[in-house]
Amino acid sequence: MSRLAILTVTTLLVLAGCTSSDNGGDDGKDSAKPSATKTTAAPKGPDCASIWKDGATLPEDYTQCVEDGAYGTQDVTECEDGTRLVVYSDTYYAITGGPISKPDVAPMQDTEQFGTAFAACTGE
């Protein structure tokens, strides 16, 4: 028998085994049990609206905030001095332990103020 024929027969046998189903015969198993499902814990942290306010101070230990039952959208850059530059929702930015800024210009990454903060953070 050629290799192709052997491969075809083997594949068909494997597929037939994968598609077989248990017709609910009495095998002593309780088929009424619900299947186990994975649950994801709700995100924990302060509400984003309570943290991200222009002129407020971003806590030194800030890691993440929660918005509408999910973590808020943010980008974090590790700074040379151990602090972090956090950009929240492309609207606010702050270095941990420092004042929160909300530039009037979009995209805020193009503002001189953000460029200065980024350079101070990264040393670039």
PDB file of N, CA and C in Angstrom:
ATOM      1  N   MET A   1       0.857  -1.162   0.000  1.00  0.00           N
ATOM      2  CA  MET A   1       0.000   0.000   0.000  1.00  0.00           C
ATOM      3  C   MET A   1       0.907   1.229   0.000  1.00  0.00           C
ATOM      4  N   SER A   2       0.523   2.235  -0.737  1.00  0.00           N
ATOM      5  CA  SER A   2       1.356   3.420  -0.820  1.00  0.00           C
ATOM      6  C   SER A   2       1.228   4.250   0.459  1.00  0.00           C
ATOM      7  N   ARG A   3       2.226   5.106   0.656  1.00  0.00           N
ATOM      8  CA  ARG A   3       2.215   5.962   1.853  1.00  0.00           C
ATOM      9  C   ARG A   3       0.987   6.868   1.862  1.00  0.00           C
ATOM     10  N   LEU A   4       0.601   7.365   0.706  1.00  0.00           N
ATOM     11  CA  LEU A   4      -0.556   8.245   0.621  1.00  0.00           C
ATOM     12  C   LEU A   4      -1.819   7.511   1.056  1.00  0.00           C
ATOM     13  N   ALA A   5      -1.972   6.280   0.632  1.00  0.00           N
ATOM     14  CA  ALA A   5      -3.153   5.500   1.007  1.00  0.00           C
ATOM     15  C   ALA A   5      -3.152   5.237   2.507  1.00  0.00           C
ATOM     16  N   ILE A   6      -1.987   4.905   3.083  1.00  0.00           N
ATOM     17  CA  ILE A   6      -1.893   4.652   4.521  1.00  0.00           C
ATOM     18  C   ILE A   6      -2.224   5.928   5.296  1.00  0.00           C
ATOM     19  N   LEU A   7      -1.685   7.045   4.837  1.00  0.00           N
ATOM     20  CA  LEU A   7      -1.945   8.327   5.487  1.00  0.00           C
ATOM     21  C   LEU A   7      -3.426   8.677   5.416  1.00  0.00           C
ATOM     22  N   THR A   8      -4.053   8.441   4.277  1.00  0.00           N
ATOM     23  CA  THR A   8      -5.471   8.753   4.107  1.00  0.00           C
ATOM     24  C   THR A   8      -6.325   7.903   5.033  1.00  0.00           C
ATOM     25  N   VAL A   9      -6.042   6.598   5.097  1.00  0.00           N
ATOM     26  CA  VAL A   9      -6.803   5.693   5.958  1.00  0.00           C
ATOM     27  C   VAL A   9      -6.603   6.076   7.425  1.00  0.00           C
ATOM     28  N   THR A  10      -5.380   6.378   7.813  1.00  0.00           N
ATOM     29  CA  THR A  10      -5.086   6.762   9.192  1.00  0.00           C
ATOM     30  C   THR A  10      -5.826   8.045   9.557  1.00  0.00           C
ATOM     31  N   THR A  11      -5.809   9.012   8.663  1.00  0.00           N
ATOM     32  CA  THR A  11      -6.487  10.275   8.898  1.00  0.00           C
ATOM     33  C   THR A  11      -7.993  10.066   9.061  1.00  0.00           C
ATOM     34  N   LEU A  12      -8.567   9.230   8.211  1.00  0.00           N
ATOM     35  CA  LEU A  12     -10.002   8.960   8.303  1.00  0.00           C
ATOM     36  C   LEU A  12     -10.354   8.279   9.620  1.00  0.00           C
ATOM     37  N   LEU A  13      -9.516   7.352  10.062  1.00  0.00           N
ATOM     38  CA  LEU A  13      -9.772   6.669  11.328  1.00  0.00           C
ATOM     39  C   LEU A  13      -9.680   7.647  12.506  1.00  0.00           C
ATOM     40  N   VAL A  14      -8.704   8.524  12.471  1.00  0.00           N
ATOM     41  CA  VAL A  14      -8.554   9.516  13.540  1.00  0.00           C
ATOM     42  C   VAL A  14      -9.752  10.455  13.549  1.00  0.00           C
ATOM     43  N   LEU A  15     -10.156  10.912  12.374  1.00  0.00           N
ATOM     44  CA  LEU A  15     -11.300  11.816  12.299  1.00  0.00           C
ATOM     45  C   LEU A  15     -12.582  11.127  12.758  1.00  0.00           C
ATOM     46  N   ALA A  16     -12.747   9.895  12.421  1.00  0.00           N
ATOM     47  CA  ALA A  16     -13.939   9.155  12.846  1.00  0.00           C
ATOM     48  C   ALA A  16     -13.964   9.037  14.364  1.00  0.00           C
ATOM     49  N   GLY A  17     -12.822   8.829  14.977  1.00  0.00           N
ATOM     50  CA  GLY A  17     -12.757   8.745  16.435  1.00  0.00           C
ATOM     51  C   GLY A  17     -13.035  10.079  17.089  1.00  0.00           C
ATOM     52  N   CYS A  18     -12.626  11.175  16.457  1.00  0.00           N
ATOM     53  CA  CYS A  18     -12.840  12.510  17.025  1.00  0.00           C
ATOM     54  C   CYS A  18     -14.284  12.942  16.937  1.00  0.00           C
ATOM     55  N   THR A  19     -15.014  12.412  15.963  1.00  0.00           N
ATOM     56  CA  THR A  19     -16.385  12.863  15.790  1.00  0.00           C
ATOM     57  C   THR A  19     -17.390  11.951  16.459  1.00  0.00           C
ATOM     58  N   SER A  20     -16.947  10.862  17.059  1.00  0.00           N
ATOM     59  CA  SER A  20     -17.902   9.990  17.727  1.00  0.00           C
ATOM     60  C   SER A  20     -18.421  10.691  18.963  1.00  0.00           C
ATOM     61  N   SER A  21     -19.652  10.390  19.335  1.00  0.00           N
ATOM     62  CA  SER A  21     -20.242  11.041  20.495  1.00  0.00           C
ATOM     63  C   SER A  21     -20.868  10.008  21.405  1.00  0.00           C
ATOM     64  N   ASP A  22     -21.000  10.401  22.668  1.00  0.00           N
ATOM     65  CA  ASP A  22     -21.644   9.550  23.657  1.00  0.00           C
ATOM     66  C   ASP A  22     -23.136   9.821  23.566  1.00  0.00           C
ATOM     67  N   ASN A  23     -23.900   8.807  23.288  1.00  0.00           N
ATOM     68  CA  ASN A  23     -25.331   8.983  23.130  1.00  0.00           C
ATOM     69  C   ASN A  23     -26.070   8.970  24.454  1.00  0.00           C
ATOM     70  N   GLY A  24     -25.360   9.187  25.555  1.00  0.00           N
ATOM     71  CA  GLY A  24     -26.013   9.278  26.845  1.00  0.00           C
ATOM     72  C   GLY A  24     -26.396   7.941  27.414  1.00  0.00           C
ATOM     73  N   GLY A  25     -25.696   6.881  27.015  1.00  0.00           N
ATOM     74  CA  GLY A  25     -25.977   5.561  27.546  1.00  0.00           C
ATOM     75  C   GLY A  25     -25.773   5.535  29.046  1.00  0.00           C
ATOM     76  N   ASP A  26     -26.340   4.566  29.713  1.00  0.00           N
ATOM     77  CA  ASP A  26     -26.247   4.462  31.158  1.00  0.00           C
ATOM     78  C   ASP A  26     -24.898   3.884  31.530  1.00  0.00           C
ATOM     79  N   ASP A  27     -23.946   4.781  31.760  1.00  0.00           N
ATOM     80  CA  ASP A  27     -22.614   4.316  32.127  1.00  0.00           C
ATOM     81  C   ASP A  27     -22.301   4.652  33.578  1.00  0.00           C
ATOM     82  N   GLY A  28     -23.321   5.041  34.345  1.00  0.00           N
ATOM     83  CA  GLY A  28     -23.125   5.338  35.750  1.00  0.00           C
ATOM     84  C   GLY A  28     -22.692   6.765  36.015  1.00  0.00           C
ATOM     85  N   LYS A  29     -22.487   7.550  34.988  1.00  0.00           N
ATOM     86  CA  LYS A  29     -22.085   8.942  35.166  1.00  0.00           C
ATOM     87  C   LYS A  29     -23.314   9.828  35.234  1.00  0.00           C
ATOM     88  N   ASP A  30     -23.240  10.875  36.054  1.00  0.00           N
ATOM     89  CA  ASP A  30     -24.328  11.836  36.172  1.00  0.00           C
ATOM     90  C   ASP A  30     -24.157  12.890  35.099  1.00  0.00           C
ATOM     91  N   SER A  31     -24.974  12.816  34.057  1.00  0.00           N
ATOM     92  CA  SER A  31     -24.842  13.751  32.942  1.00  0.00           C
ATOM     93  C   SER A  31     -25.521  15.083  33.223  1.00  0.00           C
ATOM     94  N   ALA A  32     -26.157  15.249  34.387  1.00  0.00           N
ATOM     95  CA  ALA A  32     -26.838  16.494  34.716  1.00  0.00           C
ATOM     96  C   ALA A  32     -25.903  17.521  35.344  1.00  0.00           C
ATOM     97  N   LYS A  33     -24.661  17.160  35.617  1.00  0.00           N
ATOM     98  CA  LYS A  33     -23.716  18.090  36.230  1.00  0.00           C
ATOM     99  C   LYS A  33     -23.339  19.171  35.231  1.00  0.00           C
ATOM    100  N   PRO A  34     -23.319  20.417  35.679  1.00  0.00           N
ATOM    101  CA  PRO A  34     -22.878  21.481  34.763  1.00  0.00           C
ATOM    102  C   PRO A  34     -21.372  21.400  34.565  1.00  0.00           C
ATOM    103  N   SER A  35     -20.942  21.853  33.403  1.00  0.00           N
ATOM    104  CA  SER A  35     -19.510  21.836  33.139  1.00  0.00           C
ATOM    105  C   SER A  35     -18.846  22.976  33.905  1.00  0.00           C
ATOM    106  N   ALA A  36     -17.598  22.784  34.261  1.00  0.00           N
ATOM    107  CA  ALA A  36     -16.850  23.815  34.982  1.00  0.00           C
ATOM    108  C   ALA A  36     -16.542  24.970  34.043  1.00  0.00           C
ATOM    109  N   THR A  37     -16.697  26.183  34.532  1.00  0.00           N
ATOM    110  CA  THR A  37     -16.372  27.356  33.738  1.00  0.00           C
ATOM    111  C   THR A  37     -15.367  28.192  34.499  1.00  0.00           C
ATOM    112  N   LYS A  38     -14.510  28.849  33.755  1.00  0.00           N
ATOM    113  CA  LYS A  38     -13.530  29.725  34.372  1.00  0.00           C
ATOM    114  C   LYS A  38     -14.168  31.094  34.581  1.00  0.00           C
ATOM    115  N   THR A  39     -13.916  31.666  35.737  1.00  0.00           N
ATOM    116  CA  THR A  39     -14.384  33.018  35.984  1.00  0.00           C
ATOM    117  C   THR A  39     -13.169  33.913  36.204  1.00  0.00           C
ATOM    118  N   THR A  40     -13.261  35.101  35.696  1.00  0.00           N
ATOM    119  CA  THR A  40     -12.185  36.065  35.840  1.00  0.00           C
ATOM    120  C   THR A  40     -12.562  37.027  36.955  1.00  0.00           C
ATOM    121  N   ALA A  41     -11.642  37.215  37.870  1.00  0.00           N
ATOM    122  CA  ALA A  41     -11.904  38.136  38.966  1.00  0.00           C
ATOM    123  C   ALA A  41     -12.050  39.559  38.434  1.00  0.00           C
ATOM    124  N   ALA A  42     -12.925  40.306  39.066  1.00  0.00           N
ATOM    125  CA  ALA A  42     -13.118  41.694  38.673  1.00  0.00           C
ATOM    126  C   ALA A  42     -11.845  42.479  38.966  1.00  0.00           C
ATOM    127  N   PRO A  43     -11.489  43.414  38.096  1.00  0.00           N
ATOM    128  CA  PRO A  43     -10.282  44.200  38.334  1.00  0.00           C
ATOM    129  C   PRO A  43     -10.412  45.010  39.615  1.00  0.00           C
ATOM    130  N   LYS A  44      -9.294  45.178  40.293  1.00  0.00           N
ATOM    131  CA  LYS A  44      -9.281  45.929  41.540  1.00  0.00           C
ATOM    132  C   LYS A  44      -8.399  47.151  41.379  1.00  0.00           C
ATOM    133  N   GLY A  45      -8.802  48.225  42.000  1.00  0.00           N
ATOM    134  CA  GLY A  45      -8.036  49.456  41.967  1.00  0.00           C
ATOM    135  C   GLY A  45      -8.959  50.637  42.122  1.00  0.00           C
ATOM    136  N   PRO A  46      -8.380  51.817  42.224  1.00  0.00           N
ATOM    137  CA  PRO A  46      -9.206  53.020  42.363  1.00  0.00           C
ATOM    138  C   PRO A  46      -9.939  53.340  41.066  1.00  0.00           C
ATOM    139  N   ASP A  47     -11.040  54.060  41.198  1.00  0.00           N
ATOM    140  CA  ASP A  47     -11.795  54.505  40.038  1.00  0.00           C
ATOM    141  C   ASP A  47     -10.959  55.523  39.255  1.00  0.00           C
ATOM    142  N   CYS A  48     -10.870  55.366  37.958  1.00  0.00           N
ATOM    143  CA  CYS A  48     -10.052  56.255  37.123  1.00  0.00           C
ATOM    144  C   CYS A  48     -10.457  57.720  37.280  1.00  0.00           C
ATOM    145  N   ALA A  49     -11.755  57.974  37.338  1.00  0.00           N
ATOM    146  CA  ALA A  49     -12.224  59.356  37.451  1.00  0.00           C
ATOM    147  C   ALA A  49     -11.784  60.000  38.760  1.00  0.00           C
ATOM    148  N   SER A  50     -11.567  59.198  39.797  1.00  0.00           N
ATOM    149  CA  SER A  50     -11.129  59.769  41.070  1.00  0.00           C
ATOM    150  C   SER A  50      -9.629  60.055  41.083  1.00  0.00           C
ATOM    151  N   ILE A  51      -8.868  59.421  40.209  1.00  0.00           N
ATOM    152  CA  ILE A  51      -7.415  59.607  40.150  1.00  0.00           C
ATOM    153  C   ILE A  51      -7.032  60.675  39.132  1.00  0.00           C
ATOM    154  N   TRP A  52      -7.545  60.534  37.920  1.00  0.00           N
ATOM    155  CA  TRP A  52      -7.090  61.351  36.791  1.00  0.00           C
ATOM    156  C   TRP A  52      -7.848  62.669  36.692  1.00  0.00           C
ATOM    157  N   LYS A  53      -7.314  63.677  37.407  1.00  0.00           N
ATOM    158  CA  LYS A  53      -7.864  65.030  37.400  1.00  0.00           C
ATOM    159  C   LYS A  53      -6.711  65.996  37.157  1.00  0.00           C
ATOM    160  N   ASP A  54      -6.903  66.907  36.222  1.00  0.00           N
ATOM    161  CA  ASP A  54      -5.872  67.889  35.891  1.00  0.00           C
ATOM    162  C   ASP A  54      -5.449  68.648  37.149  1.00  0.00           C
ATOM    163  N   GLY A  55      -4.149  68.658  37.443  1.00  0.00           N
ATOM    164  CA  GLY A  55      -3.615  69.358  38.603  1.00  0.00           C
ATOM    165  C   GLY A  55      -3.502  68.521  39.858  1.00  0.00           C
ATOM    166  N   ALA A  56      -4.192  67.372  39.918  1.00  0.00           N
ATOM    167  CA  ALA A  56      -4.081  66.480  41.075  1.00  0.00           C
ATOM    168  C   ALA A  56      -2.714  65.805  41.042  1.00  0.00           C
ATOM    169  N   THR A  57      -2.352  65.125  42.119  1.00  0.00           N
ATOM    170  CA  THR A  57      -1.076  64.415  42.180  1.00  0.00           C
ATOM    171  C   THR A  57      -1.320  62.930  41.949  1.00  0.00           C
ATOM    172  N   LEU A  58      -0.551  62.343  41.040  1.00  0.00           N
ATOM    173  CA  LEU A  58      -0.628  60.900  40.802  1.00  0.00           C
ATOM    174  C   LEU A  58       0.123  60.215  41.942  1.00  0.00           C
ATOM    175  N   PRO A  59      -0.530  59.330  42.694  1.00  0.00           N
ATOM    176  CA  PRO A  59       0.141  58.684  43.824  1.00  0.00           C
ATOM    177  C   PRO A  59       1.427  57.972  43.394  1.00  0.00           C
ATOM    178  N   GLU A  60       2.418  57.992  44.270  1.00  0.00           N
ATOM    179  CA  GLU A  60       3.696  57.334  43.980  1.00  0.00           C
ATOM    180  C   GLU A  60       3.525  55.838  43.753  1.00  0.00           C
ATOM    181  N   ASP A  61       2.553  55.223  44.440  1.00  0.00           N
ATOM    182  CA  ASP A  61       2.356  53.777  44.330  1.00  0.00           C
ATOM    183  C   ASP A  61       1.284  53.401  43.296  1.00  0.00           C
ATOM    184  N   TYR A  62       0.884  54.349  42.458  1.00  0.00           N
ATOM    185  CA  TYR A  62      -0.153  54.092  41.452  1.00  0.00           C
ATOM    186  C   TYR A  62       0.298  52.999  40.491  1.00  0.00           C
ATOM    187  N   THR A  63      -0.609  52.054  40.211  1.00  0.00           N
ATOM    188  CA  THR A  63      -0.322  51.024  39.214  1.00  0.00           C
ATOM    189  C   THR A  63      -1.380  50.983  38.114  1.00  0.00           C
ATOM    190  N   GLN A  64      -2.672  51.005  38.488  1.00  0.00           N
ATOM    191  CA  GLN A  64      -3.740  50.847  37.508  1.00  0.00           C
ATOM    192  C   GLN A  64      -5.036  51.360  38.115  1.00  0.00           C
ATOM    193  N   CYS A  65      -5.919  51.865  37.288  1.00  0.00           N
ATOM    194  CA  CYS A  65      -7.240  52.287  37.764  1.00  0.00           C
ATOM    195  C   CYS A  65      -8.310  51.477  37.035  1.00  0.00           C
ATOM    196  N   VAL A  66      -9.532  51.551  37.548  1.00  0.00           N
ATOM    197  CA  VAL A  66     -10.645  50.779  36.997  1.00  0.00           C
ATOM    198  C   VAL A  66     -11.692  51.740  36.441  1.00  0.00           C
ATOM    199  N   GLU A  67     -12.173  51.407  35.242  1.00  0.00           N
ATOM    200  CA  GLU A  67     -13.167  52.231  34.564  1.00  0.00           C
ATOM    201  C   GLU A  67     -14.205  51.315  33.931  1.00  0.00           C
ATOM    202  N   ASP A  68     -15.461  51.472  34.313  1.00  0.00           N
ATOM    203  CA  ASP A  68     -16.559  50.662  33.766  1.00  0.00           C
ATOM    204  C   ASP A  68     -16.304  49.163  33.919  1.00  0.00           C
ATOM    205  N   GLY A  69     -15.775  48.749  35.065  1.00  0.00           N
ATOM    206  CA  GLY A  69     -15.562  47.337  35.349  1.00  0.00           C
ATOM    207  C   GLY A  69     -14.341  46.720  34.693  1.00  0.00           C
ATOM    208  N   ALA A  70     -13.497  47.541  34.057  1.00  0.00           N
ATOM    209  CA  ALA A  70     -12.284  47.037  33.405  1.00  0.00           C
ATOM    210  C   ALA A  70     -11.138  48.003  33.732  1.00  0.00           C
ATOM    211  N   TYR A  71      -9.915  47.525  33.543  1.00  0.00           N
ATOM    212  CA  TYR A  71      -8.777  48.406  33.770  1.00  0.00           C
ATOM    213  C   TYR A  71      -8.783  49.521  32.742  1.00  0.00           C
ATOM    214  N   GLY A  72      -8.449  50.732  33.182  1.00  0.00           N
ATOM    215  CA  GLY A  72      -8.381  51.883  32.298  1.00  0.00           C
ATOM    216  C   GLY A  72      -7.242  51.729  31.299  1.00  0.00           C
ATOM    217  N   THR A  73      -7.374  52.384  30.160  1.00  0.00           N
ATOM    218  CA  THR A  73      -6.373  52.329  29.107  1.00  0.00           C
ATOM    219  C   THR A  73      -5.208  53.239  29.475  1.00  0.00           C
ATOM    220  N   GLN A  74      -4.015  52.661  29.539  1.00  0.00           N
ATOM    221  CA  GLN A  74      -2.850  53.474  29.876  1.00  0.00           C
ATOM    222  C   GLN A  74      -1.582  52.887  29.286  1.00  0.00           C
ATOM    223  N   ASP A  75      -0.606  53.776  29.115  1.00  0.00           N
ATOM    224  CA  ASP A  75       0.739  53.395  28.687  1.00  0.00           C
ATOM    225  C   ASP A  75       1.681  53.829  29.797  1.00  0.00           C
ATOM    226  N   VAL A  76       2.655  52.983  30.107  1.00  0.00           N
ATOM    227  CA  VAL A  76       3.592  53.271  31.191  1.00  0.00           C
ATOM    228  C   VAL A  76       5.016  53.199  30.652  1.00  0.00           C
ATOM    229  N   THR A  77       5.806  54.224  30.977  1.00  0.00           N
ATOM    230  CA  THR A  77       7.220  54.258  30.635  1.00  0.00           C
ATOM    231  C   THR A  77       8.010  54.286  31.934  1.00  0.00           C
ATOM    232  N   GLU A  78       8.923  53.335  32.100  1.00  0.00           N
ATOM    233  CA  GLU A  78       9.780  53.307  33.289  1.00  0.00           C
ATOM    234  C   GLU A  78      10.804  54.436  33.173  1.00  0.00           C
ATOM    235  N   CYS A  79      10.930  55.234  34.217  1.00  0.00           N
ATOM    236  CA  CYS A  79      11.876  56.356  34.218  1.00  0.00           C
ATOM    237  C   CYS A  79      13.208  55.928  34.824  1.00  0.00           C
ATOM    238  N   GLU A  80      14.229  56.685  34.509  1.00  0.00           N
ATOM    239  CA  GLU A  80      15.583  56.390  34.999  1.00  0.00           C
ATOM    240  C   GLU A  80      15.681  56.430  36.519  1.00  0.00           C
ATOM    241  N   ASP A  81      14.871  57.266  37.153  1.00  0.00           N
ATOM    242  CA  ASP A  81      14.966  57.421  38.605  1.00  0.00           C
ATOM    243  C   ASP A  81      14.053  56.471  39.387  1.00  0.00           C
ATOM    244  N   GLY A  82      13.413  55.522  38.706  1.00  0.00           N
ATOM    245  CA  GLY A  82      12.548  54.555  39.373  1.00  0.00           C
ATOM    246  C   GLY A  82      11.080  54.942  39.377  1.00  0.00           C
ATOM    247  N   THR A  83      10.764  56.166  38.985  1.00  0.00           N
ATOM    248  CA  THR A  83       9.365  56.550  38.845  1.00  0.00           C
ATOM    249  C   THR A  83       8.858  56.047  37.504  1.00  0.00           C
ATOM    250  N   ARG A  84       7.599  56.318  37.214  1.00  0.00           N
ATOM    251  CA  ARG A  84       7.005  55.905  35.945  1.00  0.00           C
ATOM    252  C   ARG A  84       6.228  57.055  35.343  1.00  0.00           C
ATOM    253  N   LEU A  85       6.324  57.214  34.043  1.00  0.00           N
ATOM    254  CA  LEU A  85       5.517  58.183  33.309  1.00  0.00           C
ATOM    255  C   LEU A  85       4.292  57.429  32.821  1.00  0.00           C
ATOM    256  N   VAL A  86       3.111  57.852  33.287  1.00  0.00           N
ATOM    257  CA  VAL A  86       1.874  57.152  32.946  1.00  0.00           C
ATOM    258  C   VAL A  86       1.019  58.060  32.077  1.00  0.00           C
ATOM    259  N   VAL A  87       0.564  57.511  30.959  1.00  0.00           N
ATOM    260  CA  VAL A  87      -0.370  58.199  30.065  1.00  0.00           C
ATOM    261  C   VAL A  87      -1.693  57.462  30.181  1.00  0.00           C
ATOM    262  N   TYR A  88      -2.721  58.181  30.609  1.00  0.00           N
ATOM    263  CA  TYR A  88      -4.041  57.571  30.775  1.00  0.00           C
ATOM    264  C   TYR A  88      -4.980  58.025  29.662  1.00  0.00           C
ATOM    265  N   SER A  89      -5.518  57.078  28.951  1.00  0.00           N
ATOM    266  CA  SER A  89      -6.555  57.299  27.943  1.00  0.00           C
ATOM    267  C   SER A  89      -6.165  58.337  26.896  1.00  0.00           C
ATOM    268  N   ASP A  90      -4.864  58.464  26.611  1.00  0.00           N
ATOM    269  CA  ASP A  90      -4.352  59.450  25.648  1.00  0.00           C
ATOM    270  C   ASP A  90      -4.868  60.862  25.933  1.00  0.00           C
ATOM    271  N   THR A  91      -5.202  61.126  27.198  1.00  0.00           N
ATOM    272  CA  THR A  91      -5.746  62.420  27.584  1.00  0.00           C
ATOM    273  C   THR A  91      -4.947  63.071  28.697  1.00  0.00           C
ATOM    274  N   TYR A  92      -4.523  62.266  29.678  1.00  0.00           N
ATOM    275  CA  TYR A  92      -3.781  62.751  30.835  1.00  0.00           C
ATOM    276  C   TYR A  92      -2.408  62.086  30.888  1.00  0.00           C
ATOM    277  N   TYR A  93      -1.468  62.747  31.554  1.00  0.00           N
ATOM    278  CA  TYR A  93      -0.181  62.116  31.817  1.00  0.00           C
ATOM    279  C   TYR A  93       0.374  62.645  33.131  1.00  0.00           C
ATOM    280  N   ALA A  94       1.227  61.851  33.747  1.00  0.00           N
ATOM    281  CA  ALA A  94       1.898  62.269  34.978  1.00  0.00           C
ATOM    282  C   ALA A  94       3.028  61.309  35.273  1.00  0.00           C
ATOM    283  N   ILE A  95       4.010  61.811  35.998  1.00  0.00           N
ATOM    284  CA  ILE A  95       5.053  60.950  36.554  1.00  0.00           C
ATOM    285  C   ILE A  95       4.586  60.604  37.958  1.00  0.00           C
ATOM    286  N   THR A  96       4.679  59.333  38.331  1.00  0.00           N
ATOM    287  CA  THR A  96       4.205  58.923  39.655  1.00  0.00           C
ATOM    288  C   THR A  96       4.795  59.826  40.726  1.00  0.00           C
ATOM    289  N   GLY A  97       3.906  60.294  41.610  1.00  0.00           N
ATOM    290  CA  GLY A  97       4.300  61.226  42.657  1.00  0.00           C
ATOM    291  C   GLY A  97       4.266  62.679  42.221  1.00  0.00           C
ATOM    292  N   GLY A  98       3.939  62.923  40.956  1.00  0.00           N
ATOM    293  CA  GLY A  98       3.936  64.285  40.415  1.00  0.00           C
ATOM    294  C   GLY A  98       2.551  64.731  39.984  1.00  0.00           C
ATOM    295  N   PRO A  99       2.454  65.970  39.497  1.00  0.00           N
ATOM    296  CA  PRO A  99       1.162  66.521  39.089  1.00  0.00           C
ATOM    297  C   PRO A  99       0.650  65.892  37.784  1.00  0.00           C
ATOM    298  N   ILE A 100      -0.654  65.753  37.712  1.00  0.00           N
ATOM    299  CA  ILE A 100      -1.320  65.228  36.518  1.00  0.00           C
ATOM    300  C   ILE A 100      -1.597  66.391  35.575  1.00  0.00           C
ATOM    301  N   SER A 101      -1.292  66.189  34.296  1.00  0.00           N
ATOM    302  CA  SER A 101      -1.522  67.220  33.278  1.00  0.00           C
ATOM    303  C   SER A 101      -2.495  66.708  32.230  1.00  0.00           C
ATOM    304  N   LYS A 102      -3.339  67.634  31.758  1.00  0.00           N
ATOM    305  CA  LYS A 102      -4.265  67.335  30.662  1.00  0.00           C
ATOM    306  C   LYS A 102      -4.113  68.439  29.619  1.00  0.00           C
ATOM    307  N   PRO A 103      -3.233  68.218  28.638  1.00  0.00           N
ATOM    308  CA  PRO A 103      -3.024  69.230  27.597  1.00  0.00           C
ATOM    309  C   PRO A 103      -4.299  69.468  26.787  1.00  0.00           C
ATOM    310  N   ASP A 104      -4.431  70.689  26.291  1.00  0.00           N
ATOM    311  CA  ASP A 104      -5.583  71.053  25.461  1.00  0.00           C
ATOM    312  C   ASP A 104      -5.404  70.615  24.019  1.00  0.00           C
ATOM    313  N   VAL A 105      -4.194  70.204  23.662  1.00  0.00           N
ATOM    314  CA  VAL A 105      -3.862  69.854  22.288  1.00  0.00           C
ATOM    315  C   VAL A 105      -3.860  68.335  22.138  1.00  0.00           C
ATOM    316  N   ALA A 106      -4.359  67.864  21.000  1.00  0.00           N
ATOM    317  CA  ALA A 106      -4.322  66.429  20.714  1.00  0.00           C
ATOM    318  C   ALA A 106      -3.566  66.223  19.415  1.00  0.00           C
ATOM    319  N   PRO A 107      -2.750  65.230  19.272  1.00  0.00           N
ATOM    320  CA  PRO A 107      -2.397  64.304  20.340  1.00  0.00           C
ATOM    321  C   PRO A 107      -1.440  64.960  21.339  1.00  0.00           C
ATOM    322  N   MET A 108      -1.674  64.665  22.596  1.00  0.00           N
ATOM    323  CA  MET A 108      -0.890  65.314  23.651  1.00  0.00           C
ATOM    324  C   MET A 108       0.586  64.953  23.580  1.00  0.00           C
ATOM    325  N   GLN A 109       0.907  63.803  22.978  1.00  0.00           N
ATOM    326  CA  GLN A 109       2.304  63.403  22.859  1.00  0.00           C
ATOM    327  C   GLN A 109       3.097  64.374  21.984  1.00  0.00           C
ATOM    328  N   ASP A 110       2.403  65.195  21.214  1.00  0.00           N
ATOM    329  CA  ASP A 110       3.074  66.182  20.359  1.00  0.00           C
ATOM    330  C   ASP A 110       3.314  67.508  21.068  1.00  0.00           C
ATOM    331  N   THR A 111       2.852  67.644  22.311  1.00  0.00           N
ATOM    332  CA  THR A 111       3.015  68.919  23.014  1.00  0.00           C
ATOM    333  C   THR A 111       4.421  69.040  23.596  1.00  0.00           C
ATOM    334  N   GLU A 112       4.856  70.270  23.730  1.00  0.00           N
ATOM    335  CA  GLU A 112       6.168  70.534  24.318  1.00  0.00           C
ATOM    336  C   GLU A 112       6.216  70.057  25.776  1.00  0.00           C
ATOM    337  N   GLN A 113       5.106  70.236  26.500  1.00  0.00           N
ATOM    338  CA  GLN A 113       5.063  69.831  27.904  1.00  0.00           C
ATOM    339  C   GLN A 113       5.269  68.323  28.054  1.00  0.00           C
ATOM    340  N   PHE A 114       4.593  67.539  27.218  1.00  0.00           N
ATOM    341  CA  PHE A 114       4.756  66.092  27.297  1.00  0.00           C
ATOM    342  C   PHE A 114       6.173  65.703  26.882  1.00  0.00           C
ATOM    343  N   GLY A 115       6.701  66.338  25.850  1.00  0.00           N
ATOM    344  CA  GLY A 115       8.069  66.054  25.415  1.00  0.00           C
ATOM    345  C   GLY A 115       9.068  66.304  26.516  1.00  0.00           C
ATOM    346  N   THR A 116       8.868  67.379  27.267  1.00  0.00           N
ATOM    347  CA  THR A 116       9.757  67.703  28.386  1.00  0.00           C
ATOM    348  C   THR A 116       9.651  66.629  29.471  1.00  0.00           C
ATOM    349  N   ALA A 117       8.442  66.211  29.797  1.00  0.00           N
ATOM    350  CA  ALA A 117       8.227  65.180  30.823  1.00  0.00           C
ATOM    351  C   ALA A 117       8.849  63.849  30.368  1.00  0.00           C
ATOM    352  N   PHE A 118       8.657  63.504  29.101  1.00  0.00           N
ATOM    353  CA  PHE A 118       9.206  62.253  28.581  1.00  0.00           C
ATOM    354  C   PHE A 118      10.738  62.281  28.614  1.00  0.00           C
ATOM    355  N   ALA A 119      11.336  63.394  28.206  1.00  0.00           N
ATOM    356  CA  ALA A 119      12.802  63.521  28.215  1.00  0.00           C
ATOM    357  C   ALA A 119      13.355  63.452  29.639  1.00  0.00           C
ATOM    358  N   ALA A 120      12.661  64.085  30.583  1.00  0.00           N
ATOM    359  CA  ALA A 120      13.102  64.033  31.978  1.00  0.00           C
ATOM    360  C   ALA A 120      13.010  62.611  32.519  1.00  0.00           C
ATOM    361  N   CYS A 121      12.020  61.873  32.087  1.00  0.00           N
ATOM    362  CA  CYS A 121      11.821  60.489  32.527  1.00  0.00           C
ATOM    363  C   CYS A 121      12.888  59.567  31.952  1.00  0.00           C
ATOM    364  N   THR A 122      13.084  59.644  30.661  1.00  0.00           N
ATOM    365  CA  THR A 122      13.941  58.666  29.981  1.00  0.00           C
ATOM    366  C   THR A 122      15.387  59.117  29.806  1.00  0.00           C
ATOM    367  N   GLY A 123      15.631  60.412  29.995  1.00  0.00           N
ATOM    368  CA  GLY A 123      16.990  60.922  29.785  1.00  0.00           C
ATOM    369  C   GLY A 123      17.306  61.141  28.325  1.00  0.00           C
ATOM    370  N   GLU A 124      16.333  61.075  27.457  1.00  0.00           N
ATOM    371  CA  GLU A 124      16.547  61.259  26.012  1.00  0.00           C
ATOM    372  C   GLU A 124      16.440  62.706  25.616  1.00  0.00           C
TER     373      GLU A 124
END
